[in-house]
Amino acid sequence: MNRSLRRATFAMISALAILSPVSPSPAQQNAAPPAAAVERAAPTPAEATNAPAAPAEREARSPRAATGELRELSPWSMFMSADVVVKAVMIGLAFASLLTWTVFIAKMIELSVVRRRLRAGLAAIADARSLSDAQRALGAGGDVLSSLLAAAKREARLSAGISSDAGIKERAASSFAEIVRAEARRIRLGMGLLATIGATSPFVGLFGTVWGIMNSFIGISKSQTTNLAVVAPGIAEALLATAIGLVAAIPAVIIYNHFTRVTRGYLELVGRASGAAGRLLSRDLDRTHVGDTHSRMAAE
């Protein structure tokens, strides 16, 4: 019995001795990792040299971070930090925008005054029976209606003694056409500037943008970083030129189209004034012939 017990105890001890290397103890599980794992975790000097820097490290290496400068992306700060070519483009576009609004204010005042004066003049000569009556109704003035009446009366005076009414009216109509063309040229003064600004400002702004983005890419290649905090200010400065170009172009196009309609309406009034002067001249010519006929009949 004791011998059987000793044999069973010996067999159990042998089994535990065999199984102990296979299942590690909790102390062995919590021990340090093998040396091979430690060697794999630690980078070699070559890997540490070729590894890319972290964003914070790249930002620290950038020139702006080195100087401690904090970029404020306001329009004024972007203008001040832009390239000299981009600055010149922005200043030119701002000047073009100033010209646009100056022309707008000047033409609005001019067209309002001349339209009101011409309508009042047409109403004043509506009941006039002759050129002299119309000139007295208008009084002294330098508007286009006074010029038309003066041209009609001058042609009638220069054609005194000529019996052909058709020739007088034709010459008067030629004088009227010259006056109308001169008035059209005068009233359209400044419209060409608006058309030029509206057509070219977007392309000028685009030129400034292309130039600024080109300089930004050159700066990216020099700094060897694509961090958005470093790249964004230069691109924003370039895009500001396109924004200013659109600010100059859009009002110029709208104002040009508005003044085109207003000018067309004013020139229609000028055409009415030319027709009124021609009718008054025709009445004077008819009265002259009637008077000559009466004189001849009285002499007979």
C-alpha atoms as a PDB file:
ATOM      1  CA  MET A   1       0.000   0.000   0.000  1.00  0.00           C
ATOM      2  CA  ASN A   2       2.751   2.404   0.893  1.00  0.00           C
ATOM      3  CA  ARG A   3       4.645   1.327  -2.157  1.00  0.00           C
ATOM      4  CA  SER A   4       1.642   2.135  -4.397  1.00  0.00           C
ATOM      5  CA  LEU A   5       1.266   5.509  -2.733  1.00  0.00           C
ATOM      6  CA  ARG A   6       4.915   6.363  -3.331  1.00  0.00           C
ATOM      7  CA  ARG A   7       4.606   5.399  -6.993  1.00  0.00           C
ATOM      8  CA  ALA A   8       1.536   7.629  -7.480  1.00  0.00           C
ATOM      9  CA  THR A   9       3.286  10.577  -5.808  1.00  0.00           C
ATOM     10  CA  PHE A  10       6.351  10.138  -7.973  1.00  0.00           C
ATOM     11  CA  ALA A  11       4.226  10.032 -11.152  1.00  0.00           C
ATOM     12  CA  MET A  12       2.426  13.227 -10.181  1.00  0.00           C
ATOM     13  CA  ILE A  13       5.681  15.069  -9.524  1.00  0.00           C
ATOM     14  CA  SER A  14       7.063  13.929 -12.875  1.00  0.00           C
ATOM     15  CA  ALA A  15       3.934  15.181 -14.711  1.00  0.00           C
ATOM     16  CA  LEU A  16       4.159  18.596 -13.065  1.00  0.00           C
ATOM     17  CA  ALA A  17       7.830  18.844 -13.982  1.00  0.00           C
ATOM     18  CA  ILE A  18       7.004  18.104 -17.627  1.00  0.00           C
ATOM     19  CA  LEU A  19       4.085  20.620 -17.862  1.00  0.00           C
ATOM     20  CA  SER A  20       5.790  23.565 -16.137  1.00  0.00           C
ATOM     21  CA  PRO A  21       7.814  24.900 -19.234  1.00  0.00           C
ATOM     22  CA  VAL A  22       4.672  24.913 -21.441  1.00  0.00           C
ATOM     23  CA  SER A  23       2.420  27.180 -19.369  1.00  0.00           C
ATOM     24  CA  PRO A  24       4.316  30.220 -18.015  1.00  0.00           C
ATOM     25  CA  SER A  25       3.516  31.498 -14.636  1.00  0.00           C
ATOM     26  CA  PRO A  26       1.833  34.910 -14.040  1.00  0.00           C
ATOM     27  CA  ALA A  27       5.166  36.329 -12.973  1.00  0.00           C
ATOM     28  CA  GLN A  28       6.690  35.202 -16.260  1.00  0.00           C
ATOM     29  CA  GLN A  29       3.757  36.746 -18.199  1.00  0.00           C
ATOM     30  CA  ASN A  30       4.306  40.138 -16.550  1.00  0.00           C
ATOM     31  CA  ALA A  31       8.016  40.066 -17.220  1.00  0.00           C
ATOM     32  CA  ALA A  32       9.741  42.405 -19.739  1.00  0.00           C
ATOM     33  CA  PRO A  33       9.328  41.629 -23.470  1.00  0.00           C
ATOM     34  CA  PRO A  34      12.012  39.753 -25.286  1.00  0.00           C
ATOM     35  CA  ALA A  35      15.096  41.553 -26.475  1.00  0.00           C
ATOM     36  CA  ALA A  36      14.118  41.064 -30.136  1.00  0.00           C
ATOM     37  CA  ALA A  37      10.884  43.045 -29.586  1.00  0.00           C
ATOM     38  CA  VAL A  38      12.818  45.806 -27.879  1.00  0.00           C
ATOM     39  CA  GLU A  39      15.210  45.919 -30.801  1.00  0.00           C
ATOM     40  CA  ARG A  40      12.337  46.156 -33.298  1.00  0.00           C
ATOM     41  CA  ALA A  41      10.652  48.983 -31.345  1.00  0.00           C
ATOM     42  CA  ALA A  42      13.767  51.121 -31.165  1.00  0.00           C
ATOM     43  CA  PRO A  43      14.447  52.860 -34.555  1.00  0.00           C
ATOM     44  CA  THR A  44      17.855  52.673 -36.078  1.00  0.00           C
ATOM     45  CA  PRO A  45      19.847  55.907 -36.628  1.00  0.00           C
ATOM     46  CA  ALA A  46      19.155  55.785 -40.376  1.00  0.00           C
ATOM     47  CA  GLU A  47      15.420  55.408 -39.792  1.00  0.00           C
ATOM     48  CA  ALA A  48      15.457  58.269 -37.297  1.00  0.00           C
ATOM     49  CA  THR A  49      17.247  60.480 -39.864  1.00  0.00           C
ATOM     50  CA  ASN A  50      14.897  59.663 -42.778  1.00  0.00           C
ATOM     51  CA  ALA A  51      11.647  59.689 -40.793  1.00  0.00           C
ATOM     52  CA  PRO A  52       9.380  62.704 -41.552  1.00  0.00           C
ATOM     53  CA  ALA A  53       9.091  65.266 -38.836  1.00  0.00           C
ATOM     54  CA  ALA A  54       5.894  65.641 -36.921  1.00  0.00           C
ATOM     55  CA  PRO A  55       3.565  68.572 -37.862  1.00  0.00           C
ATOM     56  CA  ALA A  56       4.487  70.414 -34.690  1.00  0.00           C
ATOM     57  CA  GLU A  57       8.191  69.941 -35.443  1.00  0.00           C
ATOM     58  CA  ARG A  58       7.725  71.101 -39.072  1.00  0.00           C
ATOM     59  CA  GLU A  59       5.812  74.135 -37.868  1.00  0.00           C
ATOM     60  CA  ALA A  60       8.585  74.849 -35.378  1.00  0.00           C
ATOM     61  CA  ARG A  61      11.150  74.621 -38.181  1.00  0.00           C
ATOM     62  CA  SER A  62       9.196  77.018 -40.477  1.00  0.00           C
ATOM     63  CA  PRO A  63      10.470  80.610 -40.782  1.00  0.00           C
ATOM     64  CA  ARG A  64       7.249  82.125 -39.425  1.00  0.00           C
ATOM     65  CA  ALA A  65       7.312  79.896 -36.318  1.00  0.00           C
ATOM     66  CA  ALA A  66      10.998  80.677 -35.825  1.00  0.00           C
ATOM     67  CA  THR A  67      10.285  84.396 -35.757  1.00  0.00           C
ATOM     68  CA  GLY A  68       7.180  83.940 -33.645  1.00  0.00           C
ATOM     69  CA  GLU A  69       4.982  85.734 -36.201  1.00  0.00           C
ATOM     70  CA  LEU A  70       1.238  85.011 -36.045  1.00  0.00           C
ATOM     71  CA  ARG A  71      -0.363  85.511 -39.473  1.00  0.00           C
ATOM     72  CA  GLU A  72      -3.649  87.399 -39.389  1.00  0.00           C
ATOM     73  CA  LEU A  73      -5.588  86.682 -42.591  1.00  0.00           C
ATOM     74  CA  SER A  74      -7.363  90.024 -42.910  1.00  0.00           C
ATOM     75  CA  PRO A  75      -7.541  91.792 -46.315  1.00  0.00           C
ATOM     76  CA  TRP A  76      -5.128  94.501 -45.214  1.00  0.00           C
ATOM     77  CA  SER A  77      -2.567  92.079 -43.799  1.00  0.00           C
ATOM     78  CA  MET A  78      -2.791  89.918 -46.915  1.00  0.00           C
ATOM     79  CA  PHE A  79      -2.239  92.998 -49.079  1.00  0.00           C
ATOM     80  CA  MET A  80       0.765  94.128 -47.060  1.00  0.00           C
ATOM     81  CA  SER A  81       2.415  90.702 -47.196  1.00  0.00           C
ATOM     82  CA  ALA A  82       1.722  90.109 -50.909  1.00  0.00           C
ATOM     83  CA  ASP A  83       4.319  90.189 -53.673  1.00  0.00           C
ATOM     84  CA  VAL A  84       5.070  93.560 -55.308  1.00  0.00           C
ATOM     85  CA  VAL A  85       3.463  92.472 -58.597  1.00  0.00           C
ATOM     86  CA  VAL A  86       0.315  91.315 -56.810  1.00  0.00           C
ATOM     87  CA  LYS A  87       0.266  94.613 -54.886  1.00  0.00           C
ATOM     88  CA  ALA A  88       0.488  96.564 -58.149  1.00  0.00           C
ATOM     89  CA  VAL A  89      -2.415  94.538 -59.575  1.00  0.00           C
ATOM     90  CA  MET A  90      -4.535  95.162 -56.475  1.00  0.00           C
ATOM     91  CA  ILE A  91      -3.814  98.909 -56.487  1.00  0.00           C
ATOM     92  CA  GLY A  92      -4.658  99.151 -60.197  1.00  0.00           C
ATOM     93  CA  LEU A  93      -7.938  97.300 -59.700  1.00  0.00           C
ATOM     94  CA  ALA A  94      -8.848  99.481 -56.719  1.00  0.00           C
ATOM     95  CA  PHE A  95      -8.183 102.577 -58.831  1.00  0.00           C
ATOM     96  CA  ALA A  96     -10.345 101.135 -61.625  1.00  0.00           C
ATOM     97  CA  SER A  97     -13.158 100.571 -59.137  1.00  0.00           C
ATOM     98  CA  LEU A  98     -12.818 104.176 -57.951  1.00  0.00           C
ATOM     99  CA  LEU A  99     -13.056 105.373 -61.569  1.00  0.00           C
ATOM    100  CA  THR A 100     -16.176 103.253 -62.074  1.00  0.00           C
ATOM    101  CA  TRP A 101     -18.023 104.848 -59.194  1.00  0.00           C
ATOM    102  CA  THR A 102     -16.804 108.325 -60.164  1.00  0.00           C
ATOM    103  CA  VAL A 103     -18.175 107.879 -63.693  1.00  0.00           C
ATOM    104  CA  PHE A 104     -21.401 106.507 -62.239  1.00  0.00           C
ATOM    105  CA  ILE A 105     -22.001 109.539 -60.024  1.00  0.00           C
ATOM    106  CA  ALA A 106     -20.997 112.047 -62.723  1.00  0.00           C
ATOM    107  CA  LYS A 107     -23.136 110.433 -65.443  1.00  0.00           C
ATOM    108  CA  MET A 108     -26.138 110.094 -63.153  1.00  0.00           C
ATOM    109  CA  ILE A 109     -26.063 113.819 -62.403  1.00  0.00           C
ATOM    110  CA  GLU A 110     -25.424 114.761 -66.034  1.00  0.00           C
ATOM    111  CA  LEU A 111     -28.148 112.562 -67.518  1.00  0.00           C
ATOM    112  CA  SER A 112     -30.677 113.654 -64.910  1.00  0.00           C
ATOM    113  CA  VAL A 113     -30.027 117.322 -65.658  1.00  0.00           C
ATOM    114  CA  VAL A 114     -30.045 117.088 -69.469  1.00  0.00           C
ATOM    115  CA  ARG A 115     -33.152 114.884 -69.613  1.00  0.00           C
ATOM    116  CA  ARG A 116     -35.106 117.193 -67.318  1.00  0.00           C
ATOM    117  CA  ARG A 117     -33.997 120.271 -69.260  1.00  0.00           C
ATOM    118  CA  LEU A 118     -34.820 118.748 -72.652  1.00  0.00           C
ATOM    119  CA  ARG A 119     -38.286 117.612 -71.542  1.00  0.00           C
ATOM    120  CA  ALA A 120     -38.992 121.084 -70.178  1.00  0.00           C
ATOM    121  CA  GLY A 121     -37.783 122.648 -73.453  1.00  0.00           C
ATOM    122  CA  LEU A 122     -39.973 120.392 -75.587  1.00  0.00           C
ATOM    123  CA  ALA A 123     -42.959 121.277 -73.416  1.00  0.00           C
ATOM    124  CA  ALA A 124     -42.145 124.992 -73.761  1.00  0.00           C
ATOM    125  CA  ILE A 125     -42.009 125.003 -77.585  1.00  0.00           C
ATOM    126  CA  ALA A 126     -44.985 122.684 -78.048  1.00  0.00           C
ATOM    127  CA  ASP A 127     -47.268 125.667 -78.826  1.00  0.00           C
ATOM    128  CA  ALA A 128     -44.678 127.817 -80.627  1.00  0.00           C
ATOM    129  CA  ARG A 129     -45.696 128.890 -84.129  1.00  0.00           C
ATOM    130  CA  SER A 130     -42.250 129.851 -85.441  1.00  0.00           C
ATOM    131  CA  LEU A 131     -38.573 129.498 -84.760  1.00  0.00           C
ATOM    132  CA  SER A 132     -38.459 132.965 -83.215  1.00  0.00           C
ATOM    133  CA  ASP A 133     -41.309 132.131 -80.840  1.00  0.00           C
ATOM    134  CA  ALA A 134     -39.579 128.913 -79.827  1.00  0.00           C
ATOM    135  CA  GLN A 135     -36.295 130.698 -79.110  1.00  0.00           C
ATOM    136  CA  ARG A 136     -38.081 133.294 -77.009  1.00  0.00           C
ATOM    137  CA  ALA A 137     -39.871 130.542 -75.073  1.00  0.00           C
ATOM    138  CA  LEU A 138     -36.606 128.745 -74.368  1.00  0.00           C
ATOM    139  CA  GLY A 139     -34.558 131.811 -73.537  1.00  0.00           C
ATOM    140  CA  ALA A 140     -30.790 131.750 -73.398  1.00  0.00           C
ATOM    141  CA  GLY A 141     -29.443 128.252 -72.975  1.00  0.00           C
ATOM    142  CA  GLY A 142     -26.748 125.948 -74.209  1.00  0.00           C
ATOM    143  CA  ASP A 143     -28.748 122.735 -74.465  1.00  0.00           C
ATOM    144  CA  VAL A 144     -29.201 120.653 -77.606  1.00  0.00           C
ATOM    145  CA  LEU A 145     -32.682 122.025 -78.358  1.00  0.00           C
ATOM    146  CA  SER A 146     -31.375 125.587 -78.480  1.00  0.00           C
ATOM    147  CA  SER A 147     -28.609 124.415 -80.840  1.00  0.00           C
ATOM    148  CA  LEU A 148     -31.148 122.770 -83.145  1.00  0.00           C
ATOM    149  CA  LEU A 149     -33.346 125.867 -83.278  1.00  0.00           C
ATOM    150  CA  ALA A 150     -30.327 128.097 -83.913  1.00  0.00           C
ATOM    151  CA  ALA A 151     -29.154 125.809 -86.746  1.00  0.00           C
ATOM    152  CA  ALA A 152     -32.642 125.883 -88.358  1.00  0.00           C
ATOM    153  CA  LYS A 153     -32.877 129.646 -88.172  1.00  0.00           C
ATOM    154  CA  ARG A 154     -29.357 130.093 -89.526  1.00  0.00           C
ATOM    155  CA  GLU A 155     -30.105 127.848 -92.504  1.00  0.00           C
ATOM    156  CA  ALA A 156     -33.315 129.768 -93.203  1.00  0.00           C
ATOM    157  CA  ARG A 157     -31.410 133.055 -93.127  1.00  0.00           C
ATOM    158  CA  LEU A 158     -28.584 131.780 -95.325  1.00  0.00           C
ATOM    159  CA  SER A 159     -31.086 130.361 -97.832  1.00  0.00           C
ATOM    160  CA  ALA A 160     -33.058 133.588 -98.210  1.00  0.00           C
ATOM    161  CA  GLY A 161     -34.056 134.191-101.828  1.00  0.00           C
ATOM    162  CA  ILE A 162     -33.971 130.486-102.721  1.00  0.00           C
ATOM    163  CA  SER A 163     -37.336 129.236-103.857  1.00  0.00           C
ATOM    164  CA  SER A 164     -36.644 125.506-103.340  1.00  0.00           C
ATOM    165  CA  ASP A 165     -37.948 124.439 -99.942  1.00  0.00           C
ATOM    166  CA  ALA A 166     -36.667 120.899-100.421  1.00  0.00           C
ATOM    167  CA  GLY A 167     -33.042 122.079-100.588  1.00  0.00           C
ATOM    168  CA  ILE A 168     -33.422 124.198 -97.453  1.00  0.00           C
ATOM    169  CA  LYS A 169     -34.964 121.339 -95.496  1.00  0.00           C
ATOM    170  CA  GLU A 170     -32.306 118.936 -96.686  1.00  0.00           C
ATOM    171  CA  ARG A 171     -29.499 121.229 -95.591  1.00  0.00           C
ATOM    172  CA  ALA A 172     -31.218 121.831 -92.255  1.00  0.00           C
ATOM    173  CA  ALA A 173     -31.644 118.073 -91.744  1.00  0.00           C
ATOM    174  CA  SER A 174     -27.913 117.620 -92.386  1.00  0.00           C
ATOM    175  CA  SER A 175     -27.132 120.226 -89.724  1.00  0.00           C
ATOM    176  CA  PHE A 176     -29.532 118.511 -87.320  1.00  0.00           C
ATOM    177  CA  ALA A 177     -27.847 115.142 -87.878  1.00  0.00           C
ATOM    178  CA  GLU A 178     -24.432 116.625 -87.064  1.00  0.00           C
ATOM    179  CA  ILE A 179     -25.757 118.149 -83.853  1.00  0.00           C
ATOM    180  CA  VAL A 180     -27.411 114.874 -82.824  1.00  0.00           C
ATOM    181  CA  ARG A 181     -24.211 112.900 -83.474  1.00  0.00           C
ATOM    182  CA  ALA A 182     -22.153 115.383 -81.481  1.00  0.00           C
ATOM    183  CA  GLU A 183     -24.618 115.154 -78.598  1.00  0.00           C
ATOM    184  CA  ALA A 184     -24.504 111.355 -78.711  1.00  0.00           C
ATOM    185  CA  ARG A 185     -20.702 111.409 -78.545  1.00  0.00           C
ATOM    186  CA  ARG A 186     -20.794 113.834 -75.651  1.00  0.00           C
ATOM    187  CA  ILE A 187     -23.374 111.921 -73.646  1.00  0.00           C
ATOM    188  CA  ARG A 188     -21.531 108.614 -74.144  1.00  0.00           C
ATOM    189  CA  LEU A 189     -18.305 110.044 -72.758  1.00  0.00           C
ATOM    190  CA  GLY A 190     -17.059 107.664 -70.059  1.00  0.00           C
ATOM    191  CA  MET A 191     -19.027 104.668 -71.330  1.00  0.00           C
ATOM    192  CA  GLY A 192     -15.975 103.243 -73.069  1.00  0.00           C
ATOM    193  CA  LEU A 193     -14.046 103.390 -69.788  1.00  0.00           C
ATOM    194  CA  LEU A 194     -16.780 101.405 -68.044  1.00  0.00           C
ATOM    195  CA  ALA A 195     -16.763  98.804 -70.822  1.00  0.00           C
ATOM    196  CA  THR A 196     -12.981  98.464 -70.626  1.00  0.00           C
ATOM    197  CA  ILE A 197     -12.985  98.049 -66.842  1.00  0.00           C
ATOM    198  CA  GLY A 198     -15.798  95.522 -66.954  1.00  0.00           C
ATOM    199  CA  ALA A 199     -14.103  93.450 -69.655  1.00  0.00           C
ATOM    200  CA  THR A 200     -10.495  93.457 -68.423  1.00  0.00           C
ATOM    201  CA  SER A 201     -10.669  93.579 -64.607  1.00  0.00           C
ATOM    202  CA  PRO A 202     -11.324  89.827 -64.115  1.00  0.00           C
ATOM    203  CA  PHE A 203      -8.350  88.946 -66.310  1.00  0.00           C
ATOM    204  CA  VAL A 204      -6.082  91.440 -64.546  1.00  0.00           C
ATOM    205  CA  GLY A 205      -7.124  89.954 -61.195  1.00  0.00           C
ATOM    206  CA  LEU A 206      -6.516  86.457 -62.550  1.00  0.00           C
ATOM    207  CA  PHE A 207      -3.016  87.487 -63.589  1.00  0.00           C
ATOM    208  CA  GLY A 208      -2.315  88.622 -60.027  1.00  0.00           C
ATOM    209  CA  THR A 209      -3.676  85.333 -58.688  1.00  0.00           C
ATOM    210  CA  VAL A 210      -1.530  83.224 -61.022  1.00  0.00           C
ATOM    211  CA  TRP A 211       1.551  85.232 -60.092  1.00  0.00           C
ATOM    212  CA  GLY A 212       0.834  84.900 -56.359  1.00  0.00           C
ATOM    213  CA  ILE A 213       0.166  81.150 -56.516  1.00  0.00           C
ATOM    214  CA  MET A 214       3.370  80.673 -58.498  1.00  0.00           C
ATOM    215  CA  ASN A 215       5.298  82.434 -55.734  1.00  0.00           C
ATOM    216  CA  SER A 216       3.481  80.312 -53.140  1.00  0.00           C
ATOM    217  CA  PHE A 217       4.592  77.091 -54.824  1.00  0.00           C
ATOM    218  CA  ILE A 218       8.147  78.401 -54.946  1.00  0.00           C
ATOM    219  CA  GLY A 219       7.936  79.082 -51.209  1.00  0.00           C
ATOM    220  CA  ILE A 220       6.581  75.565 -50.611  1.00  0.00           C
ATOM    221  CA  SER A 221       9.513  74.042 -52.445  1.00  0.00           C
ATOM    222  CA  LYS A 222      11.975  76.118 -50.419  1.00  0.00           C
ATOM    223  CA  SER A 223      10.404  75.365 -47.038  1.00  0.00           C
ATOM    224  CA  GLN A 224       9.922  71.676 -47.960  1.00  0.00           C
ATOM    225  CA  THR A 225       6.615  71.480 -46.171  1.00  0.00           C
ATOM    226  CA  THR A 226       2.981  71.219 -47.209  1.00  0.00           C
ATOM    227  CA  ASN A 227       1.554  72.228 -43.850  1.00  0.00           C
ATOM    228  CA  LEU A 228      -1.686  74.136 -44.485  1.00  0.00           C
ATOM    229  CA  ALA A 229      -0.823  76.772 -41.890  1.00  0.00           C
ATOM    230  CA  VAL A 230       2.285  77.637 -43.907  1.00  0.00           C
ATOM    231  CA  VAL A 231       0.786  77.338 -47.415  1.00  0.00           C
ATOM    232  CA  ALA A 232      -2.618  78.962 -46.875  1.00  0.00           C
ATOM    233  CA  PRO A 233      -1.544  82.623 -46.372  1.00  0.00           C
ATOM    234  CA  GLY A 234       0.259  82.847 -49.716  1.00  0.00           C
ATOM    235  CA  ILE A 235      -2.641  81.292 -51.615  1.00  0.00           C
ATOM    236  CA  ALA A 236      -5.123  83.569 -49.826  1.00  0.00           C
ATOM    237  CA  GLU A 237      -3.071  86.621 -50.826  1.00  0.00           C
ATOM    238  CA  ALA A 238      -3.151  85.470 -54.440  1.00  0.00           C
ATOM    239  CA  LEU A 239      -6.889  84.860 -54.430  1.00  0.00           C
ATOM    240  CA  LEU A 240      -7.463  88.339 -53.024  1.00  0.00           C
ATOM    241  CA  ALA A 241      -6.396  89.777 -56.404  1.00  0.00           C
ATOM    242  CA  THR A 242      -9.169  87.862 -58.188  1.00  0.00           C
ATOM    243  CA  ALA A 243     -11.683  89.025 -55.586  1.00  0.00           C
ATOM    244  CA  ILE A 244     -10.721  92.668 -56.127  1.00  0.00           C
ATOM    245  CA  GLY A 245     -10.920  92.147 -59.894  1.00  0.00           C
ATOM    246  CA  LEU A 246     -14.491  90.897 -59.581  1.00  0.00           C
ATOM    247  CA  VAL A 247     -15.358  93.768 -57.243  1.00  0.00           C
ATOM    248  CA  ALA A 248     -14.173  96.185 -59.952  1.00  0.00           C
ATOM    249  CA  ALA A 249     -15.706  94.335 -62.923  1.00  0.00           C
ATOM    250  CA  ILE A 250     -19.219  93.463 -61.738  1.00  0.00           C
ATOM    251  CA  PRO A 251     -20.328  97.047 -60.890  1.00  0.00           C
ATOM    252  CA  ALA A 252     -18.722  98.336 -64.100  1.00  0.00           C
ATOM    253  CA  VAL A 253     -20.757  95.925 -66.243  1.00  0.00           C
ATOM    254  CA  ILE A 254     -24.003  96.677 -64.391  1.00  0.00           C
ATOM    255  CA  ILE A 255     -23.467 100.450 -64.581  1.00  0.00           C
ATOM    256  CA  TYR A 256     -22.545 100.251 -68.272  1.00  0.00           C
ATOM    257  CA  ASN A 257     -25.743  98.368 -69.104  1.00  0.00           C
ATOM    258  CA  HIS A 258     -27.803 100.832 -67.060  1.00  0.00           C
ATOM    259  CA  PHE A 259     -26.328 103.869 -68.771  1.00  0.00           C
ATOM    260  CA  THR A 260     -26.767 102.237 -72.180  1.00  0.00           C
ATOM    261  CA  ARG A 261     -30.522 102.097 -71.581  1.00  0.00           C
ATOM    262  CA  VAL A 262     -30.677 105.610 -70.121  1.00  0.00           C
ATOM    263  CA  THR A 263     -28.597 107.063 -72.977  1.00  0.00           C
ATOM    264  CA  ARG A 264     -30.815 105.396 -75.564  1.00  0.00           C
ATOM    265  CA  GLY A 265     -33.854 107.039 -73.981  1.00  0.00           C
ATOM    266  CA  TYR A 266     -32.153 110.431 -73.942  1.00  0.00           C
ATOM    267  CA  LEU A 267     -31.172 110.164 -77.603  1.00  0.00           C
ATOM    268  CA  GLU A 268     -34.797 109.443 -78.444  1.00  0.00           C
ATOM    269  CA  LEU A 269     -35.660 112.770 -76.786  1.00  0.00           C
ATOM    270  CA  VAL A 270     -32.954 114.434 -78.885  1.00  0.00           C
ATOM    271  CA  GLY A 271     -34.546 112.930 -82.005  1.00  0.00           C
ATOM    272  CA  ARG A 272     -37.877 114.416 -80.952  1.00  0.00           C
ATOM    273  CA  ALA A 273     -36.201 117.792 -80.507  1.00  0.00           C
ATOM    274  CA  SER A 274     -34.716 117.534 -84.017  1.00  0.00           C
ATOM    275  CA  GLY A 275     -38.133 116.754 -85.435  1.00  0.00           C
ATOM    276  CA  ALA A 276     -39.674 119.736 -83.589  1.00  0.00           C
ATOM    277  CA  ALA A 277     -37.040 122.113 -84.993  1.00  0.00           C
ATOM    278  CA  GLY A 278     -37.657 120.754 -88.503  1.00  0.00           C
ATOM    279  CA  ARG A 279     -41.406 121.322 -88.210  1.00  0.00           C
ATOM    280  CA  LEU A 280     -40.919 124.896 -87.041  1.00  0.00           C
ATOM    281  CA  LEU A 281     -38.586 125.550 -89.987  1.00  0.00           C
ATOM    282  CA  SER A 282     -41.155 124.112 -92.392  1.00  0.00           C
ATOM    283  CA  ARG A 283     -43.840 126.419 -90.973  1.00  0.00           C
ATOM    284  CA  ASP A 284     -41.594 129.448 -91.377  1.00  0.00           C
ATOM    285  CA  LEU A 285     -40.840 128.511 -94.971  1.00  0.00           C
ATOM    286  CA  ASP A 286     -44.524 128.073 -95.775  1.00  0.00           C
ATOM    287  CA  ARG A 287     -45.358 131.436 -94.198  1.00  0.00           C
ATOM    288  CA  THR A 288     -42.583 133.075 -96.205  1.00  0.00           C
ATOM    289  CA  HIS A 289     -43.980 131.727 -99.472  1.00  0.00           C
ATOM    290  CA  VAL A 290     -47.501 132.750 -98.505  1.00  0.00           C
ATOM    291  CA  GLY A 291     -46.278 136.225 -97.685  1.00  0.00           C
ATOM    292  CA  ASP A 292     -44.464 136.498-101.005  1.00  0.00           C
ATOM    293  CA  THR A 293     -47.601 135.380-102.825  1.00  0.00           C
ATOM    294  CA  HIS A 294     -49.692 137.965-101.032  1.00  0.00           C
ATOM    295  CA  SER A 295     -47.122 140.643-101.836  1.00  0.00           C
ATOM    296  CA  ARG A 296     -47.140 139.764-105.489  1.00  0.00           C
ATOM    297  CA  MET A 297     -50.931 139.741-105.563  1.00  0.00           C
ATOM    298  CA  ALA A 298     -51.046 143.149-103.862  1.00  0.00           C
ATOM    299  CA  ALA A 299     -48.515 144.531-106.335  1.00  0.00           C
ATOM    300  CA  GLU A 300     -50.630 143.329-109.247  1.00  0.00           C
END
